[in-house]
Amino acid sequence: MGKTKLPIDNSIRTLRAQHGEMTQQALADAIGVTRQTVIAIEARKYSPSLEVAFRIARVFDESLEAVFLYTG
């Protein structure tokens, strides 16, 4: 049985591309988490804490709603 994705979609990959092809490592460094955490959030395998979600939104100068979308 495969793992299901979480009901929170995100636009992190698109936003990284729009910000000069920012790497997952660069984003991880900017928000104070590991690259593996960014990978898991981007792949919808892990939901970030509210604090980390705000940090991600701030890096891209976007609202939470522009970065994350509840699809459940």
N, C-alpha and C. Protein backbone atom coordinates (compact mmCIF):
# COMPACT_ATOMS: atom_id res chain seq x y z
N MET A 1 0.85 -1.19 0.00
CA MET A 1 0.00 0.00 0.00
C MET A 1 0.88 1.24 0.00
N GLY A 2 0.71 2.15 -0.96
CA GLY A 2 1.52 3.35 -1.06
C GLY A 2 1.10 4.42 -0.08
N LYS A 3 2.02 5.29 0.21
CA LYS A 3 1.71 6.39 1.13
C LYS A 3 0.87 7.43 0.39
N THR A 4 -0.12 7.95 1.08
CA THR A 4 -0.95 8.99 0.48
C THR A 4 -0.35 10.35 0.79
N LYS A 5 -0.60 11.27 -0.09
CA LYS A 5 -0.10 12.62 0.12
C LYS A 5 -1.02 13.37 1.07
N LEU A 6 -0.46 14.31 1.78
CA LEU A 6 -1.21 15.10 2.74
C LEU A 6 -2.15 16.06 2.00
N PRO A 7 -3.23 16.49 2.68
CA PRO A 7 -4.19 17.37 2.02
C PRO A 7 -3.78 18.84 1.96
N ILE A 8 -2.49 19.10 2.05
CA ILE A 8 -2.01 20.48 1.94
C ILE A 8 -1.08 20.54 0.74
N ASP A 9 -1.53 21.20 -0.31
CA ASP A 9 -0.72 21.38 -1.51
C ASP A 9 0.15 22.62 -1.32
N ASN A 10 1.18 22.75 -2.13
CA ASN A 10 2.02 23.94 -2.02
C ASN A 10 2.59 24.31 -3.37
N SER A 11 3.05 25.55 -3.44
CA SER A 11 3.64 26.06 -4.68
C SER A 11 5.13 26.34 -4.51
N ILE A 12 5.77 25.62 -3.60
CA ILE A 12 7.17 25.88 -3.28
C ILE A 12 8.07 25.70 -4.50
N ARG A 13 7.89 24.62 -5.24
CA ARG A 13 8.75 24.38 -6.42
C ARG A 13 8.63 25.52 -7.42
N THR A 14 7.42 25.95 -7.68
CA THR A 14 7.19 27.07 -8.61
C THR A 14 7.83 28.35 -8.09
N LEU A 15 7.65 28.61 -6.81
CA LEU A 15 8.23 29.82 -6.21
C LEU A 15 9.76 29.78 -6.23
N ARG A 16 10.33 28.60 -6.00
CA ARG A 16 11.79 28.49 -6.08
C ARG A 16 12.27 28.82 -7.49
N ALA A 17 11.54 28.33 -8.48
CA ALA A 17 11.90 28.59 -9.89
C ALA A 17 11.81 30.08 -10.20
N GLN A 18 10.78 30.72 -9.67
CA GLN A 18 10.58 32.16 -9.92
C GLN A 18 11.60 33.02 -9.18
N HIS A 19 12.28 32.45 -8.22
CA HIS A 19 13.29 33.18 -7.45
C HIS A 19 14.68 32.70 -7.83
N GLY A 20 14.96 32.74 -9.12
CA GLY A 20 16.29 32.43 -9.62
C GLY A 20 16.69 30.99 -9.47
N GLU A 21 15.72 30.08 -9.62
CA GLU A 21 16.00 28.65 -9.46
C GLU A 21 16.67 28.37 -8.12
N MET A 22 16.09 28.98 -7.06
CA MET A 22 16.58 28.76 -5.70
C MET A 22 16.63 27.26 -5.42
N THR A 23 17.72 26.81 -4.85
CA THR A 23 17.84 25.39 -4.54
C THR A 23 17.07 25.05 -3.26
N GLN A 24 16.79 23.78 -3.11
CA GLN A 24 16.15 23.32 -1.88
C GLN A 24 17.06 23.60 -0.69
N GLN A 25 18.36 23.47 -0.88
CA GLN A 25 19.31 23.75 0.20
C GLN A 25 19.29 25.22 0.59
N ALA A 26 19.22 26.11 -0.40
CA ALA A 26 19.18 27.55 -0.11
C ALA A 26 17.92 27.89 0.67
N LEU A 27 16.78 27.31 0.29
CA LEU A 27 15.55 27.54 1.02
C LEU A 27 15.66 26.98 2.44
N ALA A 28 16.20 25.78 2.56
CA ALA A 28 16.37 25.17 3.88
C ALA A 28 17.22 26.06 4.78
N ASP A 29 18.32 26.58 4.24
CA ASP A 29 19.19 27.46 5.02
C ASP A 29 18.46 28.73 5.45
N ALA A 30 17.65 29.28 4.55
CA ALA A 30 16.92 30.52 4.83
C ALA A 30 15.85 30.35 5.90
N ILE A 31 15.29 29.15 6.02
CA ILE A 31 14.20 28.95 6.99
C ILE A 31 14.63 28.12 8.20
N GLY A 32 15.89 27.67 8.22
CA GLY A 32 16.41 26.99 9.39
C GLY A 32 15.99 25.54 9.56
N VAL A 33 15.86 24.83 8.43
CA VAL A 33 15.54 23.40 8.47
C VAL A 33 16.52 22.67 7.56
N THR A 34 16.43 21.36 7.51
CA THR A 34 17.30 20.58 6.62
C THR A 34 16.72 20.54 5.21
N ARG A 35 17.59 20.23 4.27
CA ARG A 35 17.15 20.06 2.88
C ARG A 35 16.12 18.94 2.78
N GLN A 36 16.31 17.88 3.57
CA GLN A 36 15.37 16.76 3.56
C GLN A 36 13.97 17.21 3.99
N THR A 37 13.90 18.15 4.92
CA THR A 37 12.61 18.68 5.35
C THR A 37 11.94 19.43 4.21
N VAL A 38 12.69 20.25 3.50
CA VAL A 38 12.15 20.98 2.35
C VAL A 38 11.65 20.00 1.29
N ILE A 39 12.43 18.96 1.02
CA ILE A 39 12.03 17.96 0.04
C ILE A 39 10.70 17.33 0.45
N ALA A 40 10.57 16.96 1.71
CA ALA A 40 9.35 16.31 2.20
C ALA A 40 8.14 17.25 2.15
N ILE A 41 8.34 18.51 2.49
CA ILE A 41 7.24 19.48 2.42
C ILE A 41 6.81 19.67 0.97
N GLU A 42 7.79 19.87 0.10
CA GLU A 42 7.51 20.09 -1.32
C GLU A 42 6.76 18.91 -1.94
N ALA A 43 7.10 17.69 -1.50
CA ALA A 43 6.48 16.47 -2.04
C ALA A 43 5.17 16.12 -1.33
N ARG A 44 4.74 16.97 -0.42
CA ARG A 44 3.49 16.76 0.34
C ARG A 44 3.54 15.50 1.19
N LYS A 45 4.71 15.16 1.68
CA LYS A 45 4.86 14.02 2.58
C LYS A 45 4.95 14.46 4.03
N TYR A 46 5.08 15.77 4.24
CA TYR A 46 5.25 16.32 5.58
C TYR A 46 4.62 17.70 5.60
N SER A 47 3.83 17.98 6.64
CA SER A 47 3.25 19.31 6.80
C SER A 47 4.15 20.14 7.71
N PRO A 48 4.52 21.32 7.27
CA PRO A 48 5.39 22.14 8.11
C PRO A 48 4.62 22.68 9.31
N SER A 49 5.37 23.01 10.35
CA SER A 49 4.75 23.71 11.48
C SER A 49 4.29 25.08 10.98
N LEU A 50 3.44 25.70 11.72
CA LEU A 50 2.96 27.02 11.33
C LEU A 50 4.12 28.01 11.24
N GLU A 51 5.06 27.91 12.17
CA GLU A 51 6.22 28.79 12.14
C GLU A 51 7.04 28.60 10.86
N VAL A 52 7.29 27.36 10.48
CA VAL A 52 8.05 27.09 9.27
C VAL A 52 7.27 27.54 8.04
N ALA A 53 5.97 27.35 8.04
CA ALA A 53 5.14 27.81 6.92
C ALA A 53 5.26 29.33 6.75
N PHE A 54 5.21 30.05 7.87
CA PHE A 54 5.37 31.51 7.79
C PHE A 54 6.76 31.88 7.29
N ARG A 55 7.78 31.16 7.73
CA ARG A 55 9.14 31.45 7.27
C ARG A 55 9.26 31.25 5.77
N ILE A 56 8.66 30.18 5.25
CA ILE A 56 8.70 29.92 3.81
C ILE A 56 8.00 31.05 3.07
N ALA A 57 6.83 31.44 3.53
CA ALA A 57 6.08 32.53 2.88
C ALA A 57 6.90 33.82 2.90
N ARG A 58 7.57 34.08 4.00
CA ARG A 58 8.36 35.31 4.12
C ARG A 58 9.54 35.32 3.15
N VAL A 59 10.20 34.18 2.98
CA VAL A 59 11.33 34.10 2.04
C VAL A 59 10.88 34.52 0.65
N PHE A 60 9.69 34.10 0.26
CA PHE A 60 9.19 34.40 -1.08
C PHE A 60 8.35 35.69 -1.13
N ASP A 61 8.22 36.36 0.02
CA ASP A 61 7.42 37.58 0.12
C ASP A 61 6.00 37.34 -0.39
N GLU A 62 5.41 36.24 0.09
CA GLU A 62 4.05 35.85 -0.29
C GLU A 62 3.22 35.60 0.96
N SER A 63 1.90 35.57 0.79
CA SER A 63 1.01 35.20 1.89
C SER A 63 1.03 33.69 2.06
N LEU A 64 0.60 33.20 3.21
CA LEU A 64 0.50 31.76 3.41
C LEU A 64 -0.37 31.12 2.34
N GLU A 65 -1.47 31.79 2.00
CA GLU A 65 -2.41 31.25 1.02
C GLU A 65 -1.81 31.17 -0.38
N ALA A 66 -0.81 31.99 -0.65
CA ALA A 66 -0.15 31.93 -1.95
C ALA A 66 0.85 30.77 -2.02
N VAL A 67 1.27 30.28 -0.86
CA VAL A 67 2.25 29.19 -0.81
C VAL A 67 1.58 27.84 -0.54
N PHE A 68 0.58 27.85 0.35
CA PHE A 68 -0.06 26.60 0.77
C PHE A 68 -1.56 26.64 0.49
N LEU A 69 -2.11 25.48 0.13
CA LEU A 69 -3.52 25.36 -0.16
C LEU A 69 -4.06 24.07 0.46
N TYR A 70 -5.07 24.19 1.30
CA TYR A 70 -5.70 23.00 1.88
C TYR A 70 -6.63 22.39 0.85
N THR A 71 -6.40 21.12 0.52
CA THR A 71 -7.17 20.46 -0.53
C THR A 71 -8.11 19.39 0.01
N GLY A 72 -8.13 19.22 1.33
CA GLY A 72 -8.94 18.17 1.94
C GLY A 72 -10.36 18.51 1.94
